[in-house]
Amino acid sequence: MEKQDIRMQGIMHKKGGMRWQRRYFVLYQSGSRPAQLTYFKDENIGKNEARATLELTSDAKVDLLLGKQHAFQVILKGRALKVAAETHEDREKWMNCLRDCIAVAITQTMVHVGCCPCIISANTACAVFWDGVVNFSG
């Protein structure tokens, strides 16, 4: 992980079982590869191994999480990483940055079939563009 690839980093609390644990999160993106969200036990990332890394593919989602102040969740492959930021502003920054990274992943999965650009995803409709009008099928 190169310093210039880091999009965002900081302390958040991660829900593990019934407890919320303080962890250090790093969101990074290298070139055209999908962004990765990695968390560590604390800020000493050079000394600690990553606890987990999630690759933010085009099917990832970021939603608010009710019941805990400043909380949200990253949903990927049917599983949810539940986290809480320190402040409302931090939560908004994290959610926006994560959504931006997912949007990049979605754009990178675009393919051209003839003259019709379609977004390929297991449960995404195909958008067909004609004369500036978007028609959804699927």
N, C-alpha and C. Protein backbone atom coordinates (compact mmCIF):
# COMPACT_ATOMS: atom_id res chain seq x y z
N MET A 1 0.86 -1.17 0.00
CA MET A 1 0.00 0.00 0.00
C MET A 1 0.91 1.24 0.00
N GLU A 2 0.83 2.00 -1.07
CA GLU A 2 1.62 3.23 -1.21
C GLU A 2 0.84 4.41 -0.63
N LYS A 3 1.55 5.35 -0.04
CA LYS A 3 0.91 6.50 0.58
C LYS A 3 0.05 7.29 -0.40
N GLN A 4 0.50 7.42 -1.66
CA GLN A 4 -0.26 8.19 -2.65
C GLN A 4 -1.55 7.47 -3.07
N ASP A 5 -1.68 6.19 -2.79
CA ASP A 5 -2.88 5.43 -3.13
C ASP A 5 -3.98 5.54 -2.08
N ILE A 6 -3.66 6.10 -0.91
CA ILE A 6 -4.63 6.18 0.19
C ILE A 6 -5.66 7.26 -0.12
N ARG A 7 -6.94 6.86 -0.12
CA ARG A 7 -8.04 7.80 -0.36
C ARG A 7 -8.55 8.39 0.96
N MET A 8 -8.51 7.57 2.02
CA MET A 8 -9.01 8.00 3.32
C MET A 8 -8.48 7.03 4.38
N GLN A 9 -8.31 7.55 5.59
CA GLN A 9 -7.86 6.70 6.70
C GLN A 9 -8.28 7.32 8.02
N GLY A 10 -8.44 6.48 9.03
CA GLY A 10 -8.80 6.99 10.33
C GLY A 10 -9.43 5.94 11.23
N ILE A 11 -9.71 6.38 12.45
CA ILE A 11 -10.29 5.51 13.47
C ILE A 11 -11.81 5.41 13.27
N MET A 12 -12.31 4.19 13.32
CA MET A 12 -13.75 3.94 13.41
C MET A 12 -13.93 2.76 14.35
N HIS A 13 -15.17 2.52 14.74
CA HIS A 13 -15.49 1.37 15.58
C HIS A 13 -16.19 0.34 14.71
N LYS A 14 -15.73 -0.90 14.81
CA LYS A 14 -16.27 -2.00 14.02
C LYS A 14 -17.07 -2.93 14.93
N LYS A 15 -18.23 -3.33 14.45
CA LYS A 15 -19.03 -4.25 15.25
C LYS A 15 -18.56 -5.67 15.00
N GLY A 16 -18.18 -6.34 16.07
CA GLY A 16 -17.77 -7.73 16.02
C GLY A 16 -18.55 -8.50 17.07
N GLY A 17 -19.47 -9.34 16.63
CA GLY A 17 -20.36 -10.01 17.58
C GLY A 17 -21.29 -8.99 18.20
N MET A 18 -21.26 -8.87 19.51
CA MET A 18 -22.12 -7.92 20.21
C MET A 18 -21.36 -6.65 20.62
N ARG A 19 -20.04 -6.62 20.38
CA ARG A 19 -19.21 -5.49 20.84
C ARG A 19 -18.78 -4.60 19.68
N TRP A 20 -18.52 -3.35 20.00
CA TRP A 20 -17.95 -2.40 19.05
C TRP A 20 -16.48 -2.22 19.43
N GLN A 21 -15.58 -2.51 18.48
CA GLN A 21 -14.15 -2.43 18.75
C GLN A 21 -13.51 -1.31 17.94
N ARG A 22 -12.62 -0.58 18.58
CA ARG A 22 -11.91 0.53 17.94
C ARG A 22 -10.88 -0.07 16.97
N ARG A 23 -10.92 0.38 15.71
CA ARG A 23 -10.00 -0.11 14.70
C ARG A 23 -9.54 1.05 13.82
N TYR A 24 -8.40 0.86 13.16
CA TYR A 24 -7.87 1.86 12.24
C TYR A 24 -8.14 1.38 10.82
N PHE A 25 -8.85 2.19 10.04
CA PHE A 25 -9.25 1.82 8.68
C PHE A 25 -8.47 2.62 7.65
N VAL A 26 -8.15 1.95 6.55
CA VAL A 26 -7.48 2.60 5.42
C VAL A 26 -8.21 2.20 4.15
N LEU A 27 -8.61 3.20 3.38
CA LEU A 27 -9.26 2.98 2.08
C LEU A 27 -8.25 3.42 1.02
N TYR A 28 -7.87 2.48 0.17
CA TYR A 28 -6.89 2.84 -0.85
C TYR A 28 -7.27 2.25 -2.20
N GLN A 29 -6.74 2.89 -3.23
CA GLN A 29 -7.02 2.46 -4.60
C GLN A 29 -5.75 2.68 -5.41
N SER A 30 -5.31 1.62 -6.06
CA SER A 30 -4.08 1.67 -6.83
C SER A 30 -4.40 1.51 -8.31
N GLY A 31 -4.18 2.57 -9.08
CA GLY A 31 -4.41 2.51 -10.51
C GLY A 31 -5.84 2.16 -10.85
N SER A 32 -6.01 1.20 -11.74
CA SER A 32 -7.36 0.81 -12.18
C SER A 32 -7.92 -0.36 -11.38
N ARG A 33 -7.19 -0.80 -10.37
CA ARG A 33 -7.68 -1.91 -9.53
C ARG A 33 -8.81 -1.44 -8.64
N PRO A 34 -9.73 -2.34 -8.24
CA PRO A 34 -10.79 -1.94 -7.32
C PRO A 34 -10.21 -1.46 -5.99
N ALA A 35 -10.88 -0.50 -5.39
CA ALA A 35 -10.44 0.03 -4.09
C ALA A 35 -10.54 -1.08 -3.04
N GLN A 36 -9.74 -0.94 -2.00
CA GLN A 36 -9.75 -1.89 -0.90
C GLN A 36 -9.89 -1.14 0.42
N LEU A 37 -10.74 -1.68 1.28
CA LEU A 37 -10.91 -1.17 2.63
C LEU A 37 -10.27 -2.17 3.57
N THR A 38 -9.24 -1.73 4.26
CA THR A 38 -8.48 -2.60 5.16
C THR A 38 -8.56 -2.02 6.56
N TYR A 39 -8.65 -2.91 7.56
CA TYR A 39 -8.58 -2.39 8.93
C TYR A 39 -7.56 -3.14 9.75
N PHE A 40 -7.01 -2.38 10.71
CA PHE A 40 -5.95 -2.85 11.58
C PHE A 40 -6.37 -2.66 13.03
N LYS A 41 -5.66 -3.30 13.94
CA LYS A 41 -5.99 -3.17 15.36
C LYS A 41 -5.83 -1.73 15.83
N ASP A 42 -4.77 -1.05 15.35
CA ASP A 42 -4.55 0.35 15.73
C ASP A 42 -3.80 1.08 14.62
N GLU A 43 -3.36 2.30 14.91
CA GLU A 43 -2.73 3.16 13.90
C GLU A 43 -1.35 2.69 13.46
N ASN A 44 -0.72 1.80 14.18
CA ASN A 44 0.62 1.32 13.85
C ASN A 44 0.56 0.30 12.72
N ILE A 45 0.14 0.75 11.54
CA ILE A 45 -0.09 -0.20 10.44
C ILE A 45 1.20 -0.84 9.93
N GLY A 46 2.33 -0.20 10.16
CA GLY A 46 3.60 -0.80 9.75
C GLY A 46 3.98 -1.98 10.64
N LYS A 47 3.51 -1.96 11.87
CA LYS A 47 3.85 -3.02 12.83
C LYS A 47 2.79 -4.10 12.92
N ASN A 48 1.55 -3.77 12.56
CA ASN A 48 0.45 -4.72 12.68
C ASN A 48 0.03 -5.27 11.31
N GLU A 49 -0.37 -6.52 11.32
CA GLU A 49 -0.94 -7.10 10.10
C GLU A 49 -2.39 -6.65 9.99
N ALA A 50 -2.87 -6.59 8.76
CA ALA A 50 -4.27 -6.23 8.54
C ALA A 50 -5.16 -7.30 9.15
N ARG A 51 -6.24 -6.86 9.80
CA ARG A 51 -7.22 -7.79 10.35
C ARG A 51 -8.09 -8.35 9.23
N ALA A 52 -8.41 -7.49 8.25
CA ALA A 52 -9.21 -7.92 7.10
C ALA A 52 -9.10 -6.87 6.01
N THR A 53 -9.33 -7.31 4.77
CA THR A 53 -9.35 -6.42 3.62
C THR A 53 -10.56 -6.77 2.77
N LEU A 54 -11.34 -5.75 2.43
CA LEU A 54 -12.50 -5.93 1.55
C LEU A 54 -12.21 -5.25 0.23
N GLU A 55 -12.42 -5.96 -0.88
CA GLU A 55 -12.27 -5.37 -2.20
C GLU A 55 -13.63 -4.82 -2.61
N LEU A 56 -13.67 -3.53 -2.91
CA LEU A 56 -14.93 -2.86 -3.23
C LEU A 56 -15.26 -3.04 -4.71
N THR A 57 -15.98 -4.11 -5.00
CA THR A 57 -16.37 -4.41 -6.37
C THR A 57 -17.68 -3.69 -6.71
N SER A 58 -18.11 -3.84 -7.95
CA SER A 58 -19.28 -3.11 -8.43
C SER A 58 -20.58 -3.50 -7.72
N ASP A 59 -20.61 -4.64 -7.05
CA ASP A 59 -21.84 -5.06 -6.36
C ASP A 59 -21.86 -4.64 -4.88
N ALA A 60 -20.87 -3.89 -4.43
CA ALA A 60 -20.83 -3.41 -3.04
C ALA A 60 -21.81 -2.26 -2.86
N LYS A 61 -22.33 -2.13 -1.64
CA LYS A 61 -23.24 -1.03 -1.30
C LYS A 61 -22.83 -0.44 0.04
N VAL A 62 -23.17 0.84 0.22
CA VAL A 62 -22.91 1.52 1.50
C VAL A 62 -24.23 2.13 1.95
N ASP A 63 -24.68 1.76 3.15
CA ASP A 63 -25.95 2.25 3.69
C ASP A 63 -25.79 2.71 5.13
N LEU A 64 -26.71 3.58 5.55
CA LEU A 64 -26.75 3.97 6.95
C LEU A 64 -27.11 2.76 7.80
N LEU A 65 -26.67 2.78 9.04
CA LEU A 65 -26.98 1.72 9.99
C LEU A 65 -27.65 2.36 11.19
N LEU A 66 -28.89 1.98 11.42
CA LEU A 66 -29.65 2.55 12.54
C LEU A 66 -29.27 1.86 13.85
N GLY A 67 -29.47 2.57 14.97
CA GLY A 67 -29.25 1.99 16.29
C GLY A 67 -27.91 2.34 16.92
N LYS A 68 -27.02 2.94 16.16
CA LYS A 68 -25.72 3.37 16.71
C LYS A 68 -25.38 4.70 16.06
N GLN A 69 -24.98 5.65 16.88
CA GLN A 69 -24.67 6.99 16.38
C GLN A 69 -23.51 6.94 15.38
N HIS A 70 -23.66 7.64 14.26
CA HIS A 70 -22.65 7.79 13.20
C HIS A 70 -22.28 6.47 12.53
N ALA A 71 -23.19 5.51 12.54
CA ALA A 71 -22.90 4.18 12.00
C ALA A 71 -23.37 4.02 10.56
N PHE A 72 -22.68 3.13 9.84
CA PHE A 72 -23.06 2.75 8.49
C PHE A 72 -22.53 1.34 8.23
N GLN A 73 -22.92 0.77 7.11
CA GLN A 73 -22.46 -0.57 6.80
C GLN A 73 -22.05 -0.67 5.34
N VAL A 74 -21.04 -1.50 5.10
CA VAL A 74 -20.59 -1.82 3.76
C VAL A 74 -21.06 -3.24 3.49
N ILE A 75 -21.93 -3.38 2.49
CA ILE A 75 -22.52 -4.68 2.18
C ILE A 75 -21.85 -5.21 0.92
N LEU A 76 -21.33 -6.43 1.04
CA LEU A 76 -20.59 -7.04 -0.06
C LEU A 76 -20.77 -8.55 -0.01
N LYS A 77 -21.23 -9.10 -1.11
CA LYS A 77 -21.42 -10.55 -1.23
C LYS A 77 -22.28 -11.12 -0.09
N GLY A 78 -23.36 -10.40 0.24
CA GLY A 78 -24.30 -10.88 1.24
C GLY A 78 -23.85 -10.70 2.68
N ARG A 79 -22.71 -10.10 2.91
CA ARG A 79 -22.22 -9.86 4.27
C ARG A 79 -22.12 -8.37 4.51
N ALA A 80 -22.19 -7.96 5.77
CA ALA A 80 -22.15 -6.54 6.10
C ALA A 80 -21.03 -6.26 7.11
N LEU A 81 -20.19 -5.28 6.77
CA LEU A 81 -19.21 -4.77 7.71
C LEU A 81 -19.86 -3.55 8.35
N LYS A 82 -20.10 -3.63 9.65
CA LYS A 82 -20.80 -2.55 10.37
C LYS A 82 -19.77 -1.72 11.12
N VAL A 83 -19.77 -0.41 10.82
CA VAL A 83 -18.79 0.48 11.43
C VAL A 83 -19.47 1.77 11.90
N ALA A 84 -18.82 2.45 12.84
CA ALA A 84 -19.31 3.74 13.32
C ALA A 84 -18.14 4.72 13.33
N ALA A 85 -18.35 5.86 12.68
CA ALA A 85 -17.33 6.91 12.66
C ALA A 85 -17.38 7.69 13.96
N GLU A 86 -16.39 8.54 14.17
CA GLU A 86 -16.32 9.34 15.39
C GLU A 86 -17.36 10.47 15.39
N THR A 87 -17.64 11.05 14.21
CA THR A 87 -18.57 12.18 14.11
C THR A 87 -19.48 11.99 12.91
N HIS A 88 -20.54 12.78 12.87
CA HIS A 88 -21.45 12.77 11.72
C HIS A 88 -20.70 13.15 10.44
N GLU A 89 -19.84 14.18 10.53
CA GLU A 89 -19.07 14.64 9.37
C GLU A 89 -18.15 13.54 8.86
N ASP A 90 -17.49 12.83 9.78
CA ASP A 90 -16.61 11.73 9.38
C ASP A 90 -17.40 10.62 8.68
N ARG A 91 -18.58 10.32 9.23
CA ARG A 91 -19.42 9.28 8.59
C ARG A 91 -19.74 9.68 7.16
N GLU A 92 -20.13 10.94 6.95
CA GLU A 92 -20.47 11.40 5.60
C GLU A 92 -19.26 11.32 4.66
N LYS A 93 -18.08 11.71 5.16
CA LYS A 93 -16.87 11.64 4.34
C LYS A 93 -16.56 10.19 3.95
N TRP A 94 -16.63 9.28 4.94
CA TRP A 94 -16.35 7.87 4.65
C TRP A 94 -17.36 7.31 3.65
N MET A 95 -18.63 7.57 3.89
CA MET A 95 -19.67 7.02 3.00
C MET A 95 -19.51 7.56 1.57
N ASN A 96 -19.25 8.86 1.44
CA ASN A 96 -19.09 9.44 0.11
C ASN A 96 -17.87 8.88 -0.60
N CYS A 97 -16.76 8.74 0.12
CA CYS A 97 -15.54 8.22 -0.48
C CYS A 97 -15.71 6.76 -0.89
N LEU A 98 -16.34 5.96 -0.04
CA LEU A 98 -16.60 4.56 -0.37
C LEU A 98 -17.51 4.46 -1.60
N ARG A 99 -18.55 5.27 -1.64
CA ARG A 99 -19.47 5.26 -2.79
C ARG A 99 -18.75 5.69 -4.07
N ASP A 100 -17.85 6.67 -3.96
CA ASP A 100 -17.07 7.08 -5.13
C ASP A 100 -16.22 5.92 -5.65
N CYS A 101 -15.61 5.18 -4.74
CA CYS A 101 -14.78 4.03 -5.14
C CYS A 101 -15.63 2.94 -5.80
N ILE A 102 -16.82 2.71 -5.27
CA ILE A 102 -17.73 1.72 -5.86
C ILE A 102 -18.18 2.19 -7.24
N ALA A 103 -18.44 3.49 -7.39
CA ALA A 103 -18.83 4.03 -8.69
C ALA A 103 -17.74 3.81 -9.73
N VAL A 104 -16.48 3.94 -9.32
CA VAL A 104 -15.36 3.67 -10.23
C VAL A 104 -15.38 2.21 -10.64
N ALA A 105 -15.62 1.31 -9.69
CA ALA A 105 -15.69 -0.12 -10.00
C ALA A 105 -16.82 -0.42 -10.98
N ILE A 106 -17.95 0.27 -10.81
CA ILE A 106 -19.08 0.07 -11.72
C ILE A 106 -18.71 0.55 -13.13
N THR A 107 -18.06 1.70 -13.23
CA THR A 107 -17.69 2.23 -14.55
C THR A 107 -16.68 1.31 -15.22
N GLN A 108 -15.82 0.69 -14.44
CA GLN A 108 -14.82 -0.21 -15.01
C GLN A 108 -15.41 -1.52 -15.49
N THR A 109 -16.64 -1.85 -15.07
CA THR A 109 -17.27 -3.08 -15.53
C THR A 109 -18.13 -2.84 -16.76
N MET A 110 -18.16 -1.59 -17.23
CA MET A 110 -18.96 -1.30 -18.42
C MET A 110 -18.32 -1.97 -19.64
N VAL A 111 -19.16 -2.56 -20.45
CA VAL A 111 -18.70 -3.18 -21.69
C VAL A 111 -19.56 -2.65 -22.83
N HIS A 112 -19.06 -2.74 -24.02
CA HIS A 112 -19.81 -2.28 -25.17
C HIS A 112 -20.21 -3.49 -26.01
N VAL A 113 -21.50 -3.70 -26.12
CA VAL A 113 -22.04 -4.76 -26.95
C VAL A 113 -22.67 -4.06 -28.14
N GLY A 114 -21.99 -4.11 -29.29
CA GLY A 114 -22.45 -3.35 -30.44
C GLY A 114 -22.38 -1.88 -30.10
N CYS A 115 -23.51 -1.18 -30.19
CA CYS A 115 -23.53 0.25 -29.85
C CYS A 115 -24.20 0.48 -28.50
N CYS A 116 -24.47 -0.58 -27.76
CA CYS A 116 -25.22 -0.47 -26.52
C CYS A 116 -24.30 -0.67 -25.32
N PRO A 117 -23.98 0.40 -24.54
CA PRO A 117 -23.20 0.19 -23.32
C PRO A 117 -24.11 -0.38 -22.23
N CYS A 118 -23.68 -1.45 -21.62
CA CYS A 118 -24.47 -2.10 -20.57
C CYS A 118 -23.61 -2.26 -19.32
N ILE A 119 -24.21 -2.09 -18.18
CA ILE A 119 -23.52 -2.34 -16.92
C ILE A 119 -23.78 -3.79 -16.56
N ILE A 120 -22.71 -4.55 -16.36
CA ILE A 120 -22.84 -5.98 -16.09
C ILE A 120 -22.78 -6.22 -14.59
N SER A 121 -23.82 -6.80 -14.05
CA SER A 121 -23.88 -7.14 -12.64
C SER A 121 -24.99 -8.18 -12.49
N ALA A 122 -24.88 -9.02 -11.48
CA ALA A 122 -25.84 -10.11 -11.31
C ALA A 122 -27.27 -9.62 -11.18
N ASN A 123 -27.49 -8.52 -10.49
CA ASN A 123 -28.86 -8.04 -10.29
C ASN A 123 -29.01 -6.58 -10.70
N THR A 124 -28.37 -6.20 -11.80
CA THR A 124 -28.49 -4.85 -12.31
C THR A 124 -29.15 -4.91 -13.67
N ALA A 125 -30.10 -4.03 -13.90
CA ALA A 125 -30.74 -3.97 -15.21
C ALA A 125 -29.77 -3.38 -16.22
N CYS A 126 -30.00 -3.69 -17.48
CA CYS A 126 -29.16 -3.17 -18.56
C CYS A 126 -29.72 -1.83 -19.00
N ALA A 127 -28.87 -0.82 -19.01
CA ALA A 127 -29.30 0.51 -19.45
C ALA A 127 -28.95 0.68 -20.93
N VAL A 128 -29.94 0.97 -21.72
CA VAL A 128 -29.74 1.15 -23.16
C VAL A 128 -29.95 2.62 -23.48
N PHE A 129 -28.98 3.25 -24.14
CA PHE A 129 -29.03 4.67 -24.41
C PHE A 129 -29.35 4.93 -25.89
N TRP A 130 -30.43 5.66 -26.14
CA TRP A 130 -30.77 6.09 -27.49
C TRP A 130 -31.18 7.55 -27.42
N ASP A 131 -30.55 8.38 -28.20
CA ASP A 131 -30.89 9.81 -28.29
C ASP A 131 -31.01 10.48 -26.92
N GLY A 132 -30.10 10.18 -26.00
CA GLY A 132 -30.12 10.83 -24.71
C GLY A 132 -31.16 10.30 -23.74
N VAL A 133 -31.93 9.31 -24.14
CA VAL A 133 -32.96 8.74 -23.28
C VAL A 133 -32.46 7.41 -22.74
N VAL A 134 -32.62 7.20 -21.46
CA VAL A 134 -32.18 5.94 -20.86
C VAL A 134 -33.40 5.03 -20.71
N ASN A 135 -33.32 3.85 -21.31
CA ASN A 135 -34.37 2.85 -21.19
C ASN A 135 -33.80 1.65 -20.44
N PHE A 136 -34.50 1.18 -19.42
CA PHE A 136 -34.01 0.05 -18.66
C PHE A 136 -34.73 -1.22 -19.08
N SER A 137 -33.97 -2.29 -19.24
CA SER A 137 -34.56 -3.59 -19.54
C SER A 137 -33.92 -4.63 -18.65
N GLY A 138 -34.56 -5.73 -18.47
CA GLY A 138 -33.93 -6.78 -17.68
C GLY A 138 -34.78 -7.28 -16.57
